[in-house]
Amino acid sequence: MTARIHQGDTMHDYEMHQLRTDELIRQAEHERLVREAVRVRRAERRAARRPAREPGDTPSHTAGPGHRRAARPA
C-alpha cells in the first residue's frame, strides 16, 4: 500500500520550498553586496598608494635608461 500525500502536505512543502528559495536569494544578494564593497575598498586603497598624476604627466614610451635601442643578438 502506498502512502497518500494530502493536499495540505503538498502546500506545506511548496511553502517551505518558497521560503528556502527566498532565503537563498537574499543570501546571494548580501554576498554580492559584500563582494562589491570589498572591491571598492580595495580600489580605493590602490588609488591611495599611487602618487597623484597631473593630466600631462604620463609615462613616456621613448627609450630611457635600461631600454635597448637595438634588438638583442641571437
N, C-alpha and C. Protein backbone atom coordinates (compact mmCIF):
# COMPACT_ATOMS: atom_id res chain seq x y z
N MET A 1 0.83 -1.17 0.00
CA MET A 1 0.00 0.00 0.00
C MET A 1 0.89 1.25 0.00
N THR A 2 0.60 2.19 -0.86
CA THR A 2 1.41 3.40 -0.94
C THR A 2 0.81 4.48 -0.08
N ALA A 3 1.67 5.32 0.46
CA ALA A 3 1.20 6.42 1.30
C ALA A 3 0.67 7.54 0.41
N ARG A 4 -0.43 8.09 0.79
CA ARG A 4 -1.00 9.21 0.03
C ARG A 4 -0.52 10.51 0.63
N ILE A 5 -0.22 11.45 -0.25
CA ILE A 5 0.16 12.78 0.21
C ILE A 5 -1.09 13.63 0.18
N HIS A 6 -1.40 14.21 1.30
CA HIS A 6 -2.58 15.06 1.38
C HIS A 6 -2.27 16.42 0.78
N GLN A 7 -3.29 17.07 0.30
CA GLN A 7 -3.14 18.39 -0.33
C GLN A 7 -2.45 19.35 0.64
N GLY A 8 -2.76 19.30 1.91
CA GLY A 8 -2.15 20.19 2.89
C GLY A 8 -0.65 19.97 2.98
N ASP A 9 -0.22 18.71 2.89
CA ASP A 9 1.21 18.40 2.93
C ASP A 9 1.92 18.98 1.71
N THR A 10 1.29 18.89 0.56
CA THR A 10 1.88 19.41 -0.66
C THR A 10 2.04 20.92 -0.58
N MET A 11 1.03 21.62 -0.07
CA MET A 11 1.12 23.08 0.07
C MET A 11 2.20 23.45 1.08
N HIS A 12 2.29 22.67 2.16
CA HIS A 12 3.32 22.93 3.17
C HIS A 12 4.71 22.78 2.54
N ASP A 13 4.90 21.72 1.77
CA ASP A 13 6.19 21.51 1.11
C ASP A 13 6.50 22.65 0.14
N TYR A 14 5.49 23.10 -0.60
CA TYR A 14 5.68 24.19 -1.55
C TYR A 14 6.05 25.48 -0.81
N GLU A 15 5.36 25.76 0.29
CA GLU A 15 5.66 26.97 1.06
C GLU A 15 7.06 26.90 1.66
N MET A 16 7.45 25.74 2.13
CA MET A 16 8.81 25.57 2.67
C MET A 16 9.85 25.78 1.56
N HIS A 17 9.56 25.27 0.39
CA HIS A 17 10.46 25.45 -0.75
C HIS A 17 10.58 26.93 -1.09
N GLN A 18 9.45 27.65 -1.11
CA GLN A 18 9.46 29.08 -1.41
C GLN A 18 10.25 29.86 -0.37
N LEU A 19 10.06 29.52 0.91
CA LEU A 19 10.81 30.19 1.97
C LEU A 19 12.31 29.98 1.80
N ARG A 20 12.68 28.76 1.51
CA ARG A 20 14.11 28.44 1.32
C ARG A 20 14.66 29.18 0.09
N THR A 21 13.89 29.20 -0.98
CA THR A 21 14.32 29.91 -2.20
C THR A 21 14.51 31.39 -1.91
N ASP A 22 13.55 31.99 -1.22
CA ASP A 22 13.65 33.42 -0.88
C ASP A 22 14.87 33.69 -0.01
N GLU A 23 15.13 32.81 0.94
CA GLU A 23 16.30 32.97 1.81
C GLU A 23 17.60 32.88 1.00
N LEU A 24 17.67 31.93 0.08
CA LEU A 24 18.87 31.80 -0.75
C LEU A 24 19.07 33.03 -1.63
N ILE A 25 17.99 33.58 -2.15
CA ILE A 25 18.09 34.79 -2.97
C ILE A 25 18.61 35.96 -2.13
N ARG A 26 18.08 36.12 -0.90
CA ARG A 26 18.54 37.19 -0.01
C ARG A 26 20.01 37.01 0.34
N GLN A 27 20.41 35.77 0.61
CA GLN A 27 21.80 35.47 0.95
C GLN A 27 22.73 35.78 -0.22
N ALA A 28 22.33 35.42 -1.42
CA ALA A 28 23.15 35.69 -2.60
C ALA A 28 23.29 37.19 -2.83
N GLU A 29 22.22 37.94 -2.64
CA GLU A 29 22.27 39.39 -2.81
C GLU A 29 23.21 40.01 -1.78
N HIS A 30 23.13 39.53 -0.54
CA HIS A 30 24.02 40.03 0.51
C HIS A 30 25.48 39.76 0.15
N GLU A 31 25.76 38.55 -0.33
CA GLU A 31 27.13 38.20 -0.70
C GLU A 31 27.62 39.06 -1.86
N ARG A 32 26.75 39.37 -2.82
CA ARG A 32 27.13 40.26 -3.93
C ARG A 32 27.47 41.65 -3.41
N LEU A 33 26.67 42.16 -2.48
CA LEU A 33 26.93 43.48 -1.91
C LEU A 33 28.26 43.50 -1.14
N VAL A 34 28.53 42.44 -0.40
CA VAL A 34 29.80 42.35 0.33
C VAL A 34 30.98 42.33 -0.64
N ARG A 35 30.88 41.53 -1.70
CA ARG A 35 31.97 41.47 -2.69
C ARG A 35 32.19 42.83 -3.34
N GLU A 36 31.10 43.53 -3.65
CA GLU A 36 31.21 44.86 -4.26
C GLU A 36 31.89 45.84 -3.31
N ALA A 37 31.51 45.81 -2.02
CA ALA A 37 32.13 46.70 -1.04
C ALA A 37 33.62 46.41 -0.90
N VAL A 38 33.99 45.14 -0.88
CA VAL A 38 35.40 44.77 -0.79
C VAL A 38 36.15 45.26 -2.03
N ARG A 39 35.54 45.11 -3.20
CA ARG A 39 36.19 45.56 -4.44
C ARG A 39 36.41 47.06 -4.43
N VAL A 40 35.42 47.82 -3.96
CA VAL A 40 35.54 49.28 -3.91
C VAL A 40 36.63 49.69 -2.92
N ARG A 41 36.63 49.07 -1.74
CA ARG A 41 37.67 49.41 -0.75
C ARG A 41 39.06 49.09 -1.27
N ARG A 42 39.19 47.95 -1.93
CA ARG A 42 40.49 47.56 -2.49
C ARG A 42 40.95 48.59 -3.53
N ALA A 43 40.03 49.01 -4.39
CA ALA A 43 40.37 50.00 -5.42
C ALA A 43 40.77 51.34 -4.77
N GLU A 44 40.07 51.73 -3.71
CA GLU A 44 40.41 52.97 -3.02
C GLU A 44 41.80 52.88 -2.38
N ARG A 45 42.14 51.74 -1.78
CA ARG A 45 43.47 51.57 -1.19
C ARG A 45 44.55 51.64 -2.26
N ARG A 46 44.29 50.98 -3.42
CA ARG A 46 45.26 51.03 -4.51
C ARG A 46 45.47 52.46 -5.00
N ALA A 47 44.36 53.18 -5.14
CA ALA A 47 44.45 54.57 -5.62
C ALA A 47 45.19 55.44 -4.61
N ALA A 48 45.01 55.19 -3.32
CA ALA A 48 45.68 55.98 -2.29
C ALA A 48 47.18 55.70 -2.28
N ARG A 49 47.60 54.50 -2.64
CA ARG A 49 49.03 54.16 -2.65
C ARG A 49 49.74 54.78 -3.84
N ARG A 50 49.03 54.97 -4.95
CA ARG A 50 49.64 55.54 -6.15
C ARG A 50 49.79 57.04 -6.00
N PRO A 51 50.91 57.59 -6.47
CA PRO A 51 51.04 59.05 -6.42
C PRO A 51 50.05 59.67 -7.41
N ALA A 52 49.56 60.84 -7.05
CA ALA A 52 48.62 61.54 -7.93
C ALA A 52 49.37 62.00 -9.17
N ARG A 53 48.75 61.87 -10.32
CA ARG A 53 49.39 62.28 -11.57
C ARG A 53 48.69 63.50 -12.13
N GLU A 54 49.50 64.34 -12.73
CA GLU A 54 48.95 65.50 -13.43
C GLU A 54 48.42 65.02 -14.77
N PRO A 55 47.49 65.75 -15.39
CA PRO A 55 46.93 65.30 -16.67
C PRO A 55 47.99 65.07 -17.75
N GLY A 56 49.04 65.87 -17.80
CA GLY A 56 50.07 65.70 -18.83
C GLY A 56 51.22 64.83 -18.37
N ASP A 57 51.13 64.30 -17.17
CA ASP A 57 52.23 63.53 -16.59
C ASP A 57 52.03 62.04 -16.84
N THR A 58 52.18 61.65 -18.10
CA THR A 58 52.04 60.23 -18.44
C THR A 58 53.42 59.66 -18.71
N PRO A 59 53.61 58.40 -18.43
CA PRO A 59 54.93 57.81 -18.70
C PRO A 59 55.19 57.81 -20.20
N SER A 60 56.42 58.15 -20.56
CA SER A 60 56.74 58.18 -21.99
C SER A 60 57.08 56.78 -22.45
N HIS A 61 56.92 56.58 -23.72
CA HIS A 61 57.23 55.27 -24.30
C HIS A 61 58.49 55.36 -25.14
N THR A 62 59.29 56.37 -24.90
CA THR A 62 60.54 56.50 -25.64
C THR A 62 61.64 55.78 -24.88
N ALA A 63 62.74 55.58 -25.52
CA ALA A 63 63.85 54.87 -24.90
C ALA A 63 64.39 55.69 -23.73
N GLY A 64 64.46 55.07 -22.62
CA GLY A 64 65.01 55.71 -21.43
C GLY A 64 66.08 54.81 -20.86
N PRO A 65 66.54 55.08 -19.67
CA PRO A 65 67.56 54.22 -19.06
C PRO A 65 67.07 52.77 -19.02
N GLY A 66 67.89 51.89 -19.45
CA GLY A 66 67.53 50.47 -19.42
C GLY A 66 66.85 49.98 -20.68
N HIS A 67 66.49 50.87 -21.59
CA HIS A 67 65.87 50.43 -22.84
C HIS A 67 66.96 50.19 -23.88
N ARG A 68 66.86 49.11 -24.59
CA ARG A 68 67.82 48.83 -25.65
C ARG A 68 67.33 49.47 -26.94
N ARG A 69 68.26 50.03 -27.66
CA ARG A 69 67.89 50.66 -28.92
C ARG A 69 67.90 49.65 -30.07
N ALA A 70 68.64 48.60 -29.92
CA ALA A 70 68.72 47.57 -30.96
C ALA A 70 68.27 46.24 -30.36
N ALA A 71 67.85 45.37 -31.22
CA ALA A 71 67.44 44.05 -30.76
C ALA A 71 68.64 43.29 -30.24
N ARG A 72 68.39 42.41 -29.32
CA ARG A 72 69.48 41.59 -28.77
C ARG A 72 69.97 40.61 -29.82
N PRO A 73 71.27 40.36 -29.82
CA PRO A 73 71.77 39.36 -30.78
C PRO A 73 71.26 37.97 -30.38
N ALA A 74 71.07 37.15 -31.39
CA ALA A 74 70.54 35.81 -31.16
C ALA A 74 71.58 34.87 -30.61
